[in-house]
Amino acid sequence: MRSQSVYKVPNGKLLKIFLEYDKKNDRIREIRITGDFFAYPEESIEQMENALKNTIVEHEQLLDKIRSIITEYNIQFIGVDAEGLTHGILMCKP
């Protein structure tokens, strides 16, 4: 199933999520994260997209996974955070 969301992070920036997920297993197949936020290093968004594949689309698991990716790759965001990313992804679920 494919879906997308546009989300204005509170006190942050615009976040656009394009999600393809396996509805039967509730797991991410492909994800594209864009918006007017900033991430450093530049390749960190692509790393996050790859690391999120096969993650269950459920709040706590998704939030934990995003936080661990941020720590593992030492990602610094301006205008979005782990909670905002989680919320934007969950908005893609019908």
C-alpha atoms as a PDB file:
ATOM      1  CA  MET A   1       0.000   0.000   0.000  1.00  0.00           C
ATOM      2  CA  ARG A   2       1.262   3.461  -0.906  1.00  0.00           C
ATOM      3  CA  SER A   3       0.412   6.648   0.905  1.00  0.00           C
ATOM      4  CA  GLN A   4       1.846   9.996   1.821  1.00  0.00           C
ATOM      5  CA  SER A   5       1.511  12.662   4.457  1.00  0.00           C
ATOM      6  CA  VAL A   6       2.411  16.301   4.854  1.00  0.00           C
ATOM      7  CA  TYR A   7       2.922  17.388   8.442  1.00  0.00           C
ATOM      8  CA  LYS A   8       3.925  20.702  10.010  1.00  0.00           C
ATOM      9  CA  VAL A   9       6.036  19.782  13.025  1.00  0.00           C
ATOM     10  CA  PRO A  10       5.008  21.913  16.056  1.00  0.00           C
ATOM     11  CA  ASN A  11       7.571  24.736  16.365  1.00  0.00           C
ATOM     12  CA  GLY A  12       9.365  23.136  13.424  1.00  0.00           C
ATOM     13  CA  LYS A  13       9.331  22.698   9.693  1.00  0.00           C
ATOM     14  CA  LEU A  14       7.257  20.988   7.031  1.00  0.00           C
ATOM     15  CA  LEU A  15       7.736  17.239   6.730  1.00  0.00           C
ATOM     16  CA  LYS A  16       6.660  15.143   3.728  1.00  0.00           C
ATOM     17  CA  ILE A  17       6.585  11.366   3.969  1.00  0.00           C
ATOM     18  CA  PHE A  18       6.059   9.001   1.053  1.00  0.00           C
ATOM     19  CA  LEU A  19       5.443   5.510   2.382  1.00  0.00           C
ATOM     20  CA  GLU A  20       4.983   2.115   0.830  1.00  0.00           C
ATOM     21  CA  TYR A  21       4.159  -0.499   3.416  1.00  0.00           C
ATOM     22  CA  ASP A  22       3.024  -4.071   3.707  1.00  0.00           C
ATOM     23  CA  LYS A  23      -0.464  -3.761   5.161  1.00  0.00           C
ATOM     24  CA  LYS A  24      -0.625  -7.467   6.036  1.00  0.00           C
ATOM     25  CA  ASN A  25       2.555  -7.379   8.150  1.00  0.00           C
ATOM     26  CA  ASP A  26       2.325  -3.648   8.982  1.00  0.00           C
ATOM     27  CA  ARG A  27       5.957  -3.085   7.948  1.00  0.00           C
ATOM     28  CA  ILE A  28       7.676  -0.395   5.903  1.00  0.00           C
ATOM     29  CA  ARG A  29       8.725  -1.502   2.418  1.00  0.00           C
ATOM     30  CA  GLU A  30       9.999   1.844   1.116  1.00  0.00           C
ATOM     31  CA  ILE A  31      10.043   5.320   2.602  1.00  0.00           C
ATOM     32  CA  ARG A  32      11.037   8.744   1.320  1.00  0.00           C
ATOM     33  CA  ILE A  33      11.485  11.594   3.793  1.00  0.00           C
ATOM     34  CA  THR A  34      11.562  15.171   2.479  1.00  0.00           C
ATOM     35  CA  GLY A  35      10.630  18.636   3.670  1.00  0.00           C
ATOM     36  CA  ASP A  36      12.072  22.009   4.530  1.00  0.00           C
ATOM     37  CA  PHE A  37      14.032  20.784   7.552  1.00  0.00           C
ATOM     38  CA  PHE A  38      17.801  20.279   7.670  1.00  0.00           C
ATOM     39  CA  ALA A  39      19.778  17.150   8.503  1.00  0.00           C
ATOM     40  CA  TYR A  40      23.501  16.733   9.025  1.00  0.00           C
ATOM     41  CA  PRO A  41      25.381  14.881   7.677  1.00  0.00           C
ATOM     42  CA  GLU A  42      23.717  15.200   4.269  1.00  0.00           C
ATOM     43  CA  GLU A  43      23.519  11.441   3.656  1.00  0.00           C
ATOM     44  CA  SER A  44      21.737  10.863   6.974  1.00  0.00           C
ATOM     45  CA  ILE A  45      18.229  11.001   5.474  1.00  0.00           C
ATOM     46  CA  GLU A  46      19.112   8.261   2.991  1.00  0.00           C
ATOM     47  CA  GLN A  47      20.648   6.230   5.821  1.00  0.00           C
ATOM     48  CA  MET A  48      17.477   6.656   7.874  1.00  0.00           C
ATOM     49  CA  GLU A  49      15.248   5.660   4.952  1.00  0.00           C
ATOM     50  CA  ASN A  50      17.276   2.480   4.436  1.00  0.00           C
ATOM     51  CA  ALA A  51      17.369   1.652   8.145  1.00  0.00           C
ATOM     52  CA  LEU A  52      13.580   2.074   8.487  1.00  0.00           C
ATOM     53  CA  LYS A  53      12.805  -0.605   5.897  1.00  0.00           C
ATOM     54  CA  ASN A  54      10.989  -3.567   7.458  1.00  0.00           C
ATOM     55  CA  THR A  55      10.150  -1.584  10.620  1.00  0.00           C
ATOM     56  CA  ILE A  56       6.679  -2.114  12.089  1.00  0.00           C
ATOM     57  CA  VAL A  57       4.460   0.956  11.633  1.00  0.00           C
ATOM     58  CA  GLU A  58       3.519   1.321  15.303  1.00  0.00           C
ATOM     59  CA  HIS A  59       4.286   4.356  17.494  1.00  0.00           C
ATOM     60  CA  GLU A  60       6.637   2.971  20.152  1.00  0.00           C
ATOM     61  CA  GLN A  61       8.605   0.655  17.858  1.00  0.00           C
ATOM     62  CA  LEU A  62       8.925   3.346  15.214  1.00  0.00           C
ATOM     63  CA  LEU A  63       9.987   6.015  17.722  1.00  0.00           C
ATOM     64  CA  ASP A  64      12.573   3.686  19.311  1.00  0.00           C
ATOM     65  CA  LYS A  65      13.961   2.756  15.896  1.00  0.00           C
ATOM     66  CA  ILE A  66      14.214   6.402  14.775  1.00  0.00           C
ATOM     67  CA  ARG A  67      15.953   7.385  18.015  1.00  0.00           C
ATOM     68  CA  SER A  68      18.448   4.533  17.643  1.00  0.00           C
ATOM     69  CA  ILE A  69      19.162   5.524  14.013  1.00  0.00           C
ATOM     70  CA  ILE A  70      19.753   9.142  15.090  1.00  0.00           C
ATOM     71  CA  THR A  71      22.214   7.948  17.739  1.00  0.00           C
ATOM     72  CA  GLU A  72      23.933   5.366  15.529  1.00  0.00           C
ATOM     73  CA  TYR A  73      24.541   7.772  12.642  1.00  0.00           C
ATOM     74  CA  ASN A  74      25.010  10.855  14.869  1.00  0.00           C
ATOM     75  CA  ILE A  75      22.294  12.720  12.946  1.00  0.00           C
ATOM     76  CA  GLN A  76      21.569  16.334  13.798  1.00  0.00           C
ATOM     77  CA  PHE A  77      18.196  17.732  12.740  1.00  0.00           C
ATOM     78  CA  ILE A  78      17.017  21.321  12.549  1.00  0.00           C
ATOM     79  CA  GLY A  79      13.253  21.730  12.295  1.00  0.00           C
ATOM     80  CA  VAL A  80      12.235  18.139  13.006  1.00  0.00           C
ATOM     81  CA  ASP A  81      12.847  15.534  15.706  1.00  0.00           C
ATOM     82  CA  ALA A  82      12.243  11.830  16.322  1.00  0.00           C
ATOM     83  CA  GLU A  83       8.698  12.419  17.582  1.00  0.00           C
ATOM     84  CA  GLY A  84       7.834  14.558  14.549  1.00  0.00           C
ATOM     85  CA  LEU A  85       9.202  11.935  12.147  1.00  0.00           C
ATOM     86  CA  THR A  86       7.245   9.214  13.946  1.00  0.00           C
ATOM     87  CA  HIS A  87       4.026  11.218  13.789  1.00  0.00           C
ATOM     88  CA  GLY A  88       4.517  12.031  10.102  1.00  0.00           C
ATOM     89  CA  ILE A  89       5.053   8.355   9.249  1.00  0.00           C
ATOM     90  CA  LEU A  90       2.039   7.231  11.284  1.00  0.00           C
ATOM     91  CA  MET A  91      -0.126   9.777   9.457  1.00  0.00           C
ATOM     92  CA  CYS A  92       0.432   7.688   6.302  1.00  0.00           C
ATOM     93  CA  LYS A  93      -1.551   4.797   7.751  1.00  0.00           C
ATOM     94  CA  PRO A  94      -5.236   4.845   6.816  1.00  0.00           C
END
